[in-house]
Amino acid sequence: MILQEAIAALKTGEIDIDGVSINTENEIISKLSFAKSESYWEATSTPEGSTVVAVDCTQDEAIISSGKSRELINVIQQLRKNAGLDISDRVEIFFKEEGDVIEKAVKQNVSLFATKLKGLVPIPEQYRQTWSVVLGQDSAEVGGAKVEVMICRPCVAVRDGLGEGVCSFLSMVDVQKSSQESVLKCSIDSKDYEIIHGKDFWWNAMEKAKDTKQLEWL
């Protein structure tokens, strides 16, 4: 019986085969099935065969990058756990890789990281300040790519080319205990300085990278 005839028989409630009339409501059991033509289809039906659910399991770029991002988040969370950090403890997160596989995944899933990591987004290690204190570090394989991940104590990030003396002063500022004023003042070699937030310094590397457009995807 071809498909069109089967559908018509179910609608009319009967079918004639070699002169014999068959009631399709109580003499025929109909079960639905899915004839998948490609391997990326997955299908299942209810025991009665009355319902079939088919799912296209094709993995596009968005799905793949999201999976890599979740793998990276797991690495970060494990580093936090190993460092004995509480959920409220703030950190900075950096990664180092050969190539750009991880950065592309982060770029495409910024909102996912911000949600899972309470506003934080991992950024390349090159934006880490030299005085940044590493709390935890590990190498991992994420999505088939090797990456080195580190979590660091939050510290002030400075403008490129800022004087060494001022940088030395800013490196000693405790971000977590600071009231985070918009202007910091210091005196170096009898010379007074006013250091302006958003111009000369930022409260963390991520803020600087975003504010200065060094990472356009933040």
N, C-alpha and C. Protein backbone atom coordinates (compact mmCIF):
# COMPACT_ATOMS: atom_id res chain seq x y z
N MET A 1 0.85 -1.19 0.00
CA MET A 1 0.00 0.00 0.00
C MET A 1 0.89 1.25 0.00
N ILE A 2 0.65 2.12 -0.98
CA ILE A 2 1.45 3.33 -1.03
C ILE A 2 0.94 4.33 -0.01
N LEU A 3 1.78 5.33 0.30
CA LEU A 3 1.47 6.28 1.36
C LEU A 3 0.15 7.01 1.13
N GLN A 4 -0.08 7.47 -0.08
CA GLN A 4 -1.29 8.22 -0.36
C GLN A 4 -2.55 7.38 -0.09
N GLU A 5 -2.50 6.10 -0.48
CA GLU A 5 -3.64 5.22 -0.25
C GLU A 5 -3.87 4.98 1.24
N ALA A 6 -2.76 4.86 1.99
CA ALA A 6 -2.87 4.63 3.43
C ALA A 6 -3.50 5.83 4.12
N ILE A 7 -3.08 7.01 3.72
CA ILE A 7 -3.63 8.23 4.33
C ILE A 7 -5.11 8.37 4.01
N ALA A 8 -5.46 8.09 2.74
CA ALA A 8 -6.86 8.18 2.33
C ALA A 8 -7.72 7.17 3.09
N ALA A 9 -7.18 5.95 3.31
CA ALA A 9 -7.93 4.92 4.02
C ALA A 9 -8.17 5.31 5.46
N LEU A 10 -7.16 5.92 6.10
CA LEU A 10 -7.33 6.35 7.49
C LEU A 10 -8.36 7.46 7.61
N LYS A 11 -8.46 8.29 6.58
CA LYS A 11 -9.42 9.39 6.59
C LYS A 11 -10.85 8.90 6.39
N THR A 12 -11.02 7.97 5.44
CA THR A 12 -12.37 7.48 5.14
C THR A 12 -12.83 6.41 6.13
N GLY A 13 -11.88 5.73 6.78
CA GLY A 13 -12.24 4.71 7.75
C GLY A 13 -12.36 3.32 7.18
N GLU A 14 -12.09 3.15 5.88
CA GLU A 14 -12.14 1.81 5.29
C GLU A 14 -11.29 1.76 4.03
N ILE A 15 -10.96 0.52 3.66
CA ILE A 15 -10.19 0.31 2.44
C ILE A 15 -10.64 -1.00 1.81
N ASP A 16 -10.67 -1.05 0.49
CA ASP A 16 -11.10 -2.24 -0.22
C ASP A 16 -9.89 -2.92 -0.84
N ILE A 17 -9.64 -4.18 -0.43
CA ILE A 17 -8.52 -4.94 -0.95
C ILE A 17 -9.06 -6.23 -1.57
N ASP A 18 -8.92 -6.36 -2.90
CA ASP A 18 -9.41 -7.54 -3.63
C ASP A 18 -10.86 -7.85 -3.32
N GLY A 19 -11.66 -6.78 -3.27
CA GLY A 19 -13.07 -6.94 -3.06
C GLY A 19 -13.49 -7.12 -1.62
N VAL A 20 -12.52 -7.10 -0.73
CA VAL A 20 -12.82 -7.24 0.70
C VAL A 20 -12.71 -5.87 1.36
N SER A 21 -13.77 -5.43 2.01
CA SER A 21 -13.78 -4.13 2.68
C SER A 21 -13.25 -4.30 4.10
N ILE A 22 -12.27 -3.51 4.42
CA ILE A 22 -11.62 -3.58 5.75
C ILE A 22 -11.82 -2.27 6.48
N ASN A 23 -12.28 -2.35 7.72
CA ASN A 23 -12.47 -1.17 8.56
C ASN A 23 -11.12 -0.77 9.15
N THR A 24 -10.67 0.42 8.79
CA THR A 24 -9.34 0.85 9.25
C THR A 24 -9.33 1.33 10.71
N GLU A 25 -10.50 1.49 11.30
CA GLU A 25 -10.57 1.97 12.67
C GLU A 25 -10.38 0.84 13.68
N ASN A 26 -10.91 -0.35 13.37
CA ASN A 26 -10.80 -1.44 14.35
C ASN A 26 -10.19 -2.73 13.80
N GLU A 27 -9.88 -2.76 12.51
CA GLU A 27 -9.30 -3.97 11.94
C GLU A 27 -7.85 -3.79 11.49
N ILE A 28 -7.41 -2.56 11.49
CA ILE A 28 -6.02 -2.28 11.09
C ILE A 28 -5.34 -1.46 12.17
N ILE A 29 -4.16 -1.87 12.54
CA ILE A 29 -3.35 -1.11 13.49
C ILE A 29 -2.32 -0.30 12.70
N SER A 30 -2.37 0.99 12.85
CA SER A 30 -1.42 1.86 12.13
C SER A 30 -0.38 2.40 13.11
N LYS A 31 0.87 2.31 12.71
CA LYS A 31 1.97 2.83 13.52
C LYS A 31 2.84 3.74 12.67
N LEU A 32 3.16 4.88 13.24
CA LEU A 32 4.00 5.84 12.52
C LEU A 32 5.47 5.52 12.76
N SER A 33 6.27 5.75 11.76
CA SER A 33 7.72 5.60 11.88
C SER A 33 8.40 6.68 11.06
N PHE A 34 9.69 6.90 11.32
CA PHE A 34 10.43 7.95 10.61
C PHE A 34 11.53 7.30 9.78
N ALA A 35 11.43 7.48 8.48
CA ALA A 35 12.44 6.93 7.58
C ALA A 35 13.52 7.98 7.35
N LYS A 36 14.54 7.96 8.23
CA LYS A 36 15.57 9.00 8.12
C LYS A 36 16.47 8.72 6.90
N SER A 37 16.76 9.78 6.19
CA SER A 37 17.59 9.65 4.99
C SER A 37 19.04 10.02 5.24
N GLU A 38 19.31 10.70 6.38
CA GLU A 38 20.67 11.11 6.72
C GLU A 38 20.98 10.66 8.14
N SER A 39 22.27 10.43 8.42
CA SER A 39 22.69 9.90 9.71
C SER A 39 22.52 10.89 10.86
N TYR A 40 22.37 12.20 10.53
CA TYR A 40 22.26 13.18 11.61
C TYR A 40 20.85 13.24 12.22
N TRP A 41 19.91 12.46 11.67
CA TRP A 41 18.57 12.41 12.25
C TRP A 41 18.50 11.35 13.35
N GLU A 42 17.84 11.70 14.45
CA GLU A 42 17.55 10.74 15.51
C GLU A 42 16.03 10.76 15.71
N ALA A 43 15.41 9.57 15.77
CA ALA A 43 13.96 9.53 15.88
C ALA A 43 13.52 8.42 16.83
N THR A 44 12.40 8.63 17.47
CA THR A 44 11.81 7.62 18.33
C THR A 44 10.30 7.76 18.29
N SER A 45 9.61 6.68 18.54
CA SER A 45 8.14 6.72 18.52
C SER A 45 7.59 6.14 19.81
N THR A 46 6.34 6.46 20.11
CA THR A 46 5.68 5.91 21.29
C THR A 46 5.41 4.43 21.06
N PRO A 47 5.25 3.64 22.12
CA PRO A 47 4.98 2.19 21.96
C PRO A 47 3.79 1.91 21.07
N GLU A 48 2.77 2.79 21.13
CA GLU A 48 1.59 2.57 20.31
C GLU A 48 1.82 2.96 18.86
N GLY A 49 2.90 3.72 18.61
CA GLY A 49 3.18 4.15 17.25
C GLY A 49 2.35 5.33 16.79
N SER A 50 1.67 5.99 17.72
CA SER A 50 0.80 7.10 17.35
C SER A 50 1.55 8.42 17.19
N THR A 51 2.73 8.49 17.80
CA THR A 51 3.51 9.73 17.74
C THR A 51 4.97 9.42 17.46
N VAL A 52 5.58 10.22 16.60
CA VAL A 52 7.00 10.09 16.28
C VAL A 52 7.67 11.45 16.49
N VAL A 53 8.80 11.42 17.18
CA VAL A 53 9.59 12.64 17.37
C VAL A 53 10.93 12.46 16.65
N ALA A 54 11.24 13.38 15.76
CA ALA A 54 12.51 13.34 15.02
C ALA A 54 13.31 14.60 15.34
N VAL A 55 14.59 14.43 15.59
CA VAL A 55 15.45 15.55 15.95
C VAL A 55 16.63 15.62 14.98
N ASP A 56 16.86 16.81 14.46
CA ASP A 56 18.03 17.04 13.62
C ASP A 56 19.22 17.30 14.54
N CYS A 57 20.17 16.38 14.59
CA CYS A 57 21.31 16.48 15.51
C CYS A 57 22.55 17.10 14.87
N THR A 58 22.35 17.83 13.80
CA THR A 58 23.48 18.49 13.15
C THR A 58 24.13 19.47 14.11
N GLN A 59 25.45 19.41 14.26
CA GLN A 59 26.17 20.31 15.14
C GLN A 59 26.74 21.47 14.31
N ASP A 60 26.12 22.63 14.43
CA ASP A 60 26.63 23.78 13.70
C ASP A 60 27.70 24.48 14.53
N GLU A 61 28.26 25.54 14.00
CA GLU A 61 29.36 26.25 14.66
C GLU A 61 28.96 26.79 16.02
N ALA A 62 27.74 27.28 16.13
CA ALA A 62 27.28 27.85 17.41
C ALA A 62 27.22 26.79 18.50
N ILE A 63 26.74 25.60 18.15
CA ILE A 63 26.64 24.51 19.12
C ILE A 63 28.03 24.05 19.54
N ILE A 64 28.93 23.93 18.58
CA ILE A 64 30.29 23.47 18.87
C ILE A 64 31.02 24.46 19.77
N SER A 65 30.93 25.76 19.47
CA SER A 65 31.62 26.77 20.28
C SER A 65 31.02 26.86 21.67
N SER A 66 29.72 26.65 21.79
CA SER A 66 29.07 26.64 23.10
C SER A 66 29.59 25.48 23.94
N GLY A 67 29.78 24.31 23.30
CA GLY A 67 30.32 23.16 24.01
C GLY A 67 31.73 23.41 24.51
N LYS A 68 32.55 24.05 23.67
CA LYS A 68 33.93 24.38 24.08
C LYS A 68 33.91 25.35 25.27
N SER A 69 33.00 26.31 25.21
CA SER A 69 32.91 27.30 26.28
C SER A 69 32.54 26.65 27.61
N ARG A 70 31.63 25.70 27.56
CA ARG A 70 31.23 25.00 28.79
C ARG A 70 32.37 24.15 29.35
N GLU A 71 33.17 23.58 28.45
CA GLU A 71 34.36 22.84 28.90
C GLU A 71 35.32 23.79 29.61
N LEU A 72 35.52 24.97 29.04
CA LEU A 72 36.43 25.95 29.65
C LEU A 72 35.89 26.42 31.00
N ILE A 73 34.60 26.62 31.10
CA ILE A 73 33.99 27.02 32.37
C ILE A 73 34.24 25.96 33.44
N ASN A 74 34.15 24.70 33.06
CA ASN A 74 34.41 23.61 34.01
C ASN A 74 35.85 23.65 34.51
N VAL A 75 36.79 23.94 33.62
CA VAL A 75 38.20 24.06 34.01
C VAL A 75 38.38 25.20 35.01
N ILE A 76 37.74 26.33 34.72
CA ILE A 76 37.84 27.50 35.60
C ILE A 76 37.24 27.21 36.97
N GLN A 77 36.09 26.58 36.99
CA GLN A 77 35.43 26.26 38.27
C GLN A 77 36.27 25.29 39.09
N GLN A 78 36.94 24.35 38.42
CA GLN A 78 37.80 23.42 39.13
C GLN A 78 39.01 24.13 39.72
N LEU A 79 39.54 25.11 38.99
CA LEU A 79 40.67 25.90 39.50
C LEU A 79 40.25 26.68 40.74
N ARG A 80 39.07 27.25 40.70
CA ARG A 80 38.56 27.97 41.87
C ARG A 80 38.43 27.04 43.07
N LYS A 81 37.91 25.85 42.81
CA LYS A 81 37.73 24.88 43.89
C LYS A 81 39.07 24.47 44.48
N ASN A 82 40.04 24.20 43.60
CA ASN A 82 41.37 23.78 44.07
C ASN A 82 42.08 24.88 44.84
N ALA A 83 41.76 26.13 44.51
CA ALA A 83 42.38 27.28 45.21
C ALA A 83 41.68 27.58 46.52
N GLY A 84 40.59 26.86 46.81
CA GLY A 84 39.87 27.07 48.06
C GLY A 84 39.08 28.36 48.11
N LEU A 85 38.64 28.83 46.95
CA LEU A 85 37.92 30.10 46.89
C LEU A 85 36.44 29.91 47.19
N ASP A 86 35.85 30.91 47.82
CA ASP A 86 34.41 30.92 48.03
C ASP A 86 33.74 31.44 46.78
N ILE A 87 32.44 31.21 46.67
CA ILE A 87 31.69 31.65 45.49
C ILE A 87 31.71 33.17 45.34
N SER A 88 31.89 33.88 46.46
CA SER A 88 31.88 35.34 46.44
C SER A 88 33.26 35.94 46.14
N ASP A 89 34.31 35.13 46.15
CA ASP A 89 35.66 35.64 45.91
C ASP A 89 35.84 36.02 44.45
N ARG A 90 36.28 37.26 44.22
CA ARG A 90 36.47 37.75 42.87
C ARG A 90 37.86 37.37 42.36
N VAL A 91 37.95 37.07 41.09
CA VAL A 91 39.23 36.75 40.45
C VAL A 91 39.26 37.38 39.06
N GLU A 92 40.43 37.30 38.44
CA GLU A 92 40.56 37.60 37.02
C GLU A 92 40.93 36.30 36.33
N ILE A 93 40.45 36.12 35.10
CA ILE A 93 40.66 34.85 34.41
C ILE A 93 41.37 35.11 33.08
N PHE A 94 42.47 34.36 32.88
CA PHE A 94 43.25 34.52 31.65
C PHE A 94 43.49 33.14 31.03
N PHE A 95 43.70 33.14 29.71
CA PHE A 95 44.04 31.89 29.03
C PHE A 95 45.13 32.15 28.00
N LYS A 96 45.90 31.10 27.74
CA LYS A 96 46.99 31.19 26.77
C LYS A 96 46.92 29.97 25.87
N GLU A 97 46.98 30.20 24.58
CA GLU A 97 46.86 29.10 23.62
C GLU A 97 47.72 29.36 22.40
N GLU A 98 47.97 28.31 21.65
CA GLU A 98 48.60 28.46 20.34
C GLU A 98 47.48 28.43 19.31
N GLY A 99 47.32 29.52 18.60
CA GLY A 99 46.19 29.64 17.69
C GLY A 99 45.10 30.50 18.31
N ASP A 100 43.88 30.35 17.83
CA ASP A 100 42.77 31.20 18.30
C ASP A 100 41.48 30.41 18.50
N VAL A 101 41.59 29.10 18.70
CA VAL A 101 40.40 28.26 18.85
C VAL A 101 39.59 28.67 20.08
N ILE A 102 40.27 28.83 21.21
CA ILE A 102 39.59 29.17 22.46
C ILE A 102 39.05 30.59 22.42
N GLU A 103 39.85 31.51 21.90
CA GLU A 103 39.39 32.90 21.84
C GLU A 103 38.14 33.03 20.99
N LYS A 104 38.06 32.29 19.90
CA LYS A 104 36.86 32.33 19.05
C LYS A 104 35.65 31.81 19.83
N ALA A 105 35.86 30.76 20.62
CA ALA A 105 34.75 30.20 21.41
C ALA A 105 34.28 31.21 22.46
N VAL A 106 35.24 31.86 23.13
CA VAL A 106 34.89 32.87 24.14
C VAL A 106 34.16 34.05 23.48
N LYS A 107 34.69 34.47 22.34
CA LYS A 107 34.10 35.60 21.61
C LYS A 107 32.64 35.35 21.27
N GLN A 108 32.31 34.13 20.90
CA GLN A 108 30.96 33.80 20.48
C GLN A 108 30.02 33.50 21.66
N ASN A 109 30.58 33.43 22.87
CA ASN A 109 29.76 33.06 24.03
C ASN A 109 30.02 33.95 25.24
N VAL A 110 30.24 35.23 25.00
CA VAL A 110 30.53 36.18 26.08
C VAL A 110 29.42 36.18 27.13
N SER A 111 28.18 36.20 26.69
CA SER A 111 27.06 36.25 27.64
C SER A 111 26.99 34.98 28.49
N LEU A 112 27.35 33.84 27.92
CA LEU A 112 27.35 32.58 28.67
C LEU A 112 28.38 32.63 29.80
N PHE A 113 29.59 33.12 29.49
CA PHE A 113 30.62 33.24 30.51
C PHE A 113 30.20 34.23 31.59
N ALA A 114 29.68 35.36 31.17
CA ALA A 114 29.27 36.39 32.13
C ALA A 114 28.19 35.86 33.08
N THR A 115 27.29 35.03 32.55
CA THR A 115 26.23 34.46 33.38
C THR A 115 26.78 33.42 34.35
N LYS A 116 27.58 32.52 33.85
CA LYS A 116 28.11 31.42 34.66
C LYS A 116 29.19 31.87 35.64
N LEU A 117 29.92 32.92 35.29
CA LEU A 117 31.06 33.35 36.11
C LEU A 117 30.83 34.70 36.77
N LYS A 118 29.56 35.04 36.97
CA LYS A 118 29.18 36.26 37.70
C LYS A 118 29.82 37.53 37.12
N GLY A 119 29.66 37.69 35.82
CA GLY A 119 30.12 38.90 35.15
C GLY A 119 31.52 38.82 34.57
N LEU A 120 32.25 37.76 34.88
CA LEU A 120 33.63 37.64 34.40
C LEU A 120 33.67 36.95 33.04
N VAL A 121 34.64 37.35 32.23
CA VAL A 121 34.87 36.72 30.94
C VAL A 121 36.38 36.47 30.82
N PRO A 122 36.80 35.26 30.49
CA PRO A 122 38.23 34.99 30.32
C PRO A 122 38.80 35.81 29.16
N ILE A 123 40.01 36.32 29.33
CA ILE A 123 40.65 37.08 28.26
C ILE A 123 42.08 36.55 28.06
N PRO A 124 42.68 36.81 26.90
CA PRO A 124 44.03 36.31 26.63
C PRO A 124 45.04 36.76 27.68
N GLU A 125 46.01 35.89 27.96
CA GLU A 125 47.00 36.12 29.01
C GLU A 125 47.85 37.36 28.77
N GLN A 126 47.95 37.81 27.54
CA GLN A 126 48.78 38.98 27.23
C GLN A 126 48.27 40.26 27.90
N TYR A 127 47.02 40.26 28.36
CA TYR A 127 46.47 41.45 29.02
C TYR A 127 46.67 41.41 30.54
N ARG A 128 47.30 40.39 31.04
CA ARG A 128 47.56 40.29 32.48
C ARG A 128 48.72 41.20 32.88
N GLN A 129 48.55 41.90 33.99
CA GLN A 129 49.62 42.77 34.49
C GLN A 129 50.75 41.93 35.08
N THR A 130 51.98 42.45 35.00
CA THR A 130 53.14 41.70 35.47
C THR A 130 53.08 41.44 36.97
N TRP A 131 52.38 42.29 37.73
CA TRP A 131 52.29 42.12 39.18
C TRP A 131 51.07 41.30 39.60
N SER A 132 50.35 40.78 38.63
CA SER A 132 49.17 39.97 38.94
C SER A 132 49.59 38.68 39.66
N VAL A 133 48.90 38.35 40.75
CA VAL A 133 49.22 37.16 41.54
C VAL A 133 48.35 35.99 41.08
N VAL A 134 48.99 34.92 40.65
CA VAL A 134 48.27 33.74 40.17
C VAL A 134 47.81 32.89 41.36
N LEU A 135 46.52 32.62 41.42
CA LEU A 135 45.95 31.80 42.50
C LEU A 135 45.81 30.34 42.09
N GLY A 136 45.69 30.11 40.80
CA GLY A 136 45.55 28.75 40.30
C GLY A 136 45.84 28.72 38.81
N GLN A 137 46.45 27.64 38.36
CA GLN A 137 46.85 27.54 36.96
C GLN A 137 46.86 26.08 36.53
N ASP A 138 46.40 25.83 35.29
CA ASP A 138 46.38 24.46 34.82
C ASP A 138 46.32 24.44 33.30
N SER A 139 46.85 23.37 32.72
CA SER A 139 46.75 23.15 31.28
C SER A 139 45.65 22.14 31.03
N ALA A 140 44.89 22.36 30.01
CA ALA A 140 43.76 21.47 29.72
C ALA A 140 43.55 21.38 28.22
N GLU A 141 42.75 20.40 27.83
CA GLU A 141 42.37 20.27 26.43
C GLU A 141 40.89 20.62 26.32
N VAL A 142 40.61 21.63 25.55
CA VAL A 142 39.24 22.11 25.39
C VAL A 142 38.87 22.06 23.91
N GLY A 143 37.90 21.24 23.59
CA GLY A 143 37.48 21.13 22.20
C GLY A 143 38.60 20.68 21.28
N GLY A 144 39.52 19.85 21.82
CA GLY A 144 40.63 19.36 21.02
C GLY A 144 41.82 20.29 20.95
N ALA A 145 41.72 21.47 21.59
CA ALA A 145 42.81 22.45 21.59
C ALA A 145 43.42 22.55 22.98
N LYS A 146 44.73 22.66 23.04
CA LYS A 146 45.42 22.80 24.33
C LYS A 146 45.40 24.26 24.77
N VAL A 147 45.09 24.46 26.03
CA VAL A 147 45.00 25.82 26.55
C VAL A 147 45.51 25.85 27.99
N GLU A 148 46.17 26.92 28.34
CA GLU A 148 46.62 27.13 29.72
C GLU A 148 45.71 28.17 30.35
N VAL A 149 45.10 27.82 31.46
CA VAL A 149 44.14 28.69 32.12
C VAL A 149 44.67 29.09 33.48
N MET A 150 44.48 30.36 33.84
CA MET A 150 44.91 30.83 35.15
C MET A 150 43.88 31.76 35.77
N ILE A 151 43.70 31.64 37.06
CA ILE A 151 42.87 32.58 37.79
C ILE A 151 43.80 33.39 38.68
N CYS A 152 43.57 34.70 38.73
CA CYS A 152 44.47 35.60 39.44
C CYS A 152 43.71 36.51 40.40
N ARG A 153 44.43 36.98 41.40
CA ARG A 153 43.85 37.95 42.32
C ARG A 153 43.62 39.25 41.55
N PRO A 154 42.47 39.88 41.69
CA PRO A 154 42.20 41.14 40.97
C PRO A 154 43.24 42.19 41.29
N CYS A 155 43.68 42.90 40.27
CA CYS A 155 44.64 43.99 40.49
C CYS A 155 44.40 45.10 39.48
N VAL A 156 44.95 46.24 39.76
CA VAL A 156 44.78 47.40 38.89
C VAL A 156 45.52 47.17 37.57
N ALA A 157 44.88 47.56 36.47
CA ALA A 157 45.50 47.54 35.15
C ALA A 157 45.82 48.98 34.76
N VAL A 158 46.97 49.21 34.16
CA VAL A 158 47.43 50.58 33.91
C VAL A 158 47.51 50.89 32.42
N ARG A 159 47.49 52.18 32.15
CA ARG A 159 47.64 52.66 30.78
C ARG A 159 49.03 52.32 30.26
N ASP A 160 49.10 51.90 29.01
CA ASP A 160 50.39 51.62 28.39
C ASP A 160 51.23 52.89 28.39
N GLY A 161 52.47 52.77 28.82
CA GLY A 161 53.37 53.92 28.83
C GLY A 161 53.33 54.74 30.09
N LEU A 162 52.52 54.34 31.08
CA LEU A 162 52.47 55.07 32.35
C LEU A 162 53.81 54.94 33.06
N GLY A 163 54.22 55.99 33.75
CA GLY A 163 55.53 56.02 34.41
C GLY A 163 55.74 54.87 35.38
N GLU A 164 57.00 54.47 35.53
CA GLU A 164 57.33 53.32 36.37
C GLU A 164 56.95 53.56 37.83
N GLY A 165 57.20 54.76 38.31
CA GLY A 165 56.89 55.06 39.71
C GLY A 165 55.40 54.97 40.00
N VAL A 166 54.60 55.52 39.10
CA VAL A 166 53.14 55.48 39.26
C VAL A 166 52.64 54.05 39.15
N CYS A 167 53.22 53.29 38.23
CA CYS A 167 52.84 51.88 38.09
C CYS A 167 53.14 51.11 39.36
N SER A 168 54.29 51.41 39.96
CA SER A 168 54.68 50.74 41.20
C SER A 168 53.67 51.04 42.30
N PHE A 169 53.21 52.29 42.37
CA PHE A 169 52.20 52.67 43.36
C PHE A 169 50.89 51.93 43.12
N LEU A 170 50.46 51.90 41.86
CA LEU A 170 49.19 51.26 41.51
C LEU A 170 49.23 49.75 41.73
N SER A 171 50.41 49.16 41.57
CA SER A 171 50.52 47.71 41.74
C SER A 171 50.28 47.30 43.19
N MET A 172 50.39 48.24 44.10
CA MET A 172 50.21 47.94 45.53
C MET A 172 48.79 48.23 46.01
N VAL A 173 47.94 48.76 45.13
CA VAL A 173 46.56 49.05 45.51
C VAL A 173 45.79 47.74 45.64
N ASP A 174 45.15 47.54 46.77
CA ASP A 174 44.34 46.35 46.99
C ASP A 174 42.94 46.61 46.43
N VAL A 175 42.67 46.05 45.27
CA VAL A 175 41.41 46.29 44.58
C VAL A 175 40.22 45.87 45.44
N GLN A 176 40.35 44.75 46.13
CA GLN A 176 39.22 44.21 46.88
C GLN A 176 38.91 45.01 48.13
N LYS A 177 39.89 45.74 48.66
CA LYS A 177 39.66 46.55 49.84
C LYS A 177 39.50 48.03 49.51
N SER A 178 39.80 48.40 48.29
CA SER A 178 39.73 49.80 47.88
C SER A 178 38.29 50.25 47.72
N SER A 179 38.04 51.52 48.00
CA SER A 179 36.71 52.09 47.78
C SER A 179 36.50 52.46 46.32
N GLN A 180 37.55 52.24 45.51
CA GLN A 180 37.51 52.43 44.05
C GLN A 180 37.09 53.85 43.66
N GLU A 181 37.88 54.79 44.14
CA GLU A 181 37.65 56.18 43.76
C GLU A 181 37.98 56.40 42.29
N SER A 182 37.45 57.48 41.72
CA SER A 182 37.72 57.78 40.32
C SER A 182 39.07 58.45 40.13
N VAL A 183 39.64 58.99 41.21
CA VAL A 183 40.97 59.62 41.15
C VAL A 183 41.80 59.14 42.33
N LEU A 184 43.00 58.66 42.04
CA LEU A 184 43.93 58.26 43.09
C LEU A 184 45.08 59.25 43.13
N LYS A 185 45.54 59.55 44.32
CA LYS A 185 46.62 60.52 44.46
C LYS A 185 47.82 59.87 45.14
N CYS A 186 48.99 60.25 44.68
CA CYS A 186 50.21 59.76 45.30
C CYS A 186 51.33 60.78 45.10
N SER A 187 52.41 60.66 45.87
CA SER A 187 53.57 61.53 45.74
C SER A 187 54.80 60.66 45.55
N ILE A 188 55.50 60.91 44.47
CA ILE A 188 56.69 60.12 44.16
C ILE A 188 57.86 61.08 43.92
N ASP A 189 58.92 60.90 44.71
CA ASP A 189 60.09 61.77 44.61
C ASP A 189 59.68 63.24 44.71
N SER A 190 58.83 63.51 45.71
CA SER A 190 58.37 64.87 46.00
C SER A 190 57.49 65.47 44.90
N LYS A 191 57.03 64.64 44.01
CA LYS A 191 56.14 65.13 42.95
C LYS A 191 54.77 64.50 43.14
N ASP A 192 53.71 65.34 43.13
CA ASP A 192 52.35 64.86 43.34
C ASP A 192 51.71 64.42 42.01
N TYR A 193 50.95 63.33 42.11
CA TYR A 193 50.28 62.80 40.93
C TYR A 193 48.80 62.60 41.22
N GLU A 194 47.98 62.89 40.22
CA GLU A 194 46.57 62.54 40.24
C GLU A 194 46.34 61.53 39.12
N ILE A 195 45.96 60.33 39.49
CA ILE A 195 45.84 59.24 38.53
C ILE A 195 44.35 58.98 38.30
N ILE A 196 43.92 59.11 37.06
CA ILE A 196 42.49 59.12 36.74
C ILE A 196 42.01 57.76 36.23
N HIS A 197 40.92 57.31 36.84
CA HIS A 197 40.31 56.05 36.42
C HIS A 197 39.72 56.20 35.02
N GLY A 198 39.94 55.21 34.17
CA GLY A 198 39.43 55.26 32.81
C GLY A 198 40.37 55.94 31.85
N LYS A 199 41.41 56.55 32.39
CA LYS A 199 42.42 57.21 31.55
C LYS A 199 43.80 56.64 31.85
N ASP A 200 44.14 56.62 33.13
CA ASP A 200 45.45 56.12 33.54
C ASP A 200 45.40 54.70 34.10
N PHE A 201 44.26 54.31 34.64
CA PHE A 201 44.16 52.97 35.23
C PHE A 201 42.72 52.46 35.19
N TRP A 202 42.61 51.15 35.36
CA TRP A 202 41.32 50.48 35.43
C TRP A 202 41.38 49.47 36.57
N TRP A 203 40.23 49.07 37.09
CA TRP A 203 40.21 48.23 38.28
C TRP A 203 40.50 46.76 37.99
N ASN A 204 40.54 46.39 36.72
CA ASN A 204 40.98 45.05 36.35
C ASN A 204 41.29 45.03 34.86
N ALA A 205 41.93 43.95 34.43
CA ALA A 205 42.37 43.85 33.04
C ALA A 205 41.21 43.76 32.07
N MET A 206 40.14 43.10 32.48
CA MET A 206 38.97 42.98 31.61
C MET A 206 38.34 44.35 31.36
N GLU A 207 38.26 45.17 32.40
CA GLU A 207 37.69 46.51 32.26
C GLU A 207 38.52 47.34 31.29
N LYS A 208 39.85 47.24 31.42
CA LYS A 208 40.73 48.00 30.53
C LYS A 208 40.57 47.54 29.08
N ALA A 209 40.58 46.21 28.86
CA ALA A 209 40.47 45.68 27.50
C ALA A 209 39.16 46.09 26.84
N LYS A 210 38.10 46.14 27.63
CA LYS A 210 36.79 46.54 27.11
C LYS A 210 36.73 48.04 26.85
N ASP A 211 37.21 48.83 27.81
CA ASP A 211 37.12 50.29 27.71
C ASP A 211 37.99 50.85 26.60
N THR A 212 39.16 50.23 26.40
CA THR A 212 40.09 50.72 25.38
C THR A 212 39.89 50.05 24.02
N LYS A 213 38.86 49.19 23.93
CA LYS A 213 38.54 48.48 22.68
C LYS A 213 39.67 47.56 22.22
N GLN A 214 40.52 47.12 23.16
CA GLN A 214 41.57 46.17 22.79
C GLN A 214 40.99 44.82 22.40
N LEU A 215 39.85 44.50 23.00
CA LEU A 215 39.11 43.30 22.63
C LEU A 215 37.71 43.74 22.21
N GLU A 216 37.48 43.79 20.92
CA GLU A 216 36.22 44.35 20.42
C GLU A 216 35.02 43.50 20.77
N TRP A 217 35.25 42.23 21.15
CA TRP A 217 34.12 41.34 21.43
C TRP A 217 33.64 41.40 22.88
N LEU A 218 34.31 42.16 23.73
CA LEU A 218 33.85 42.29 25.12
C LEU A 218 32.65 43.23 25.20
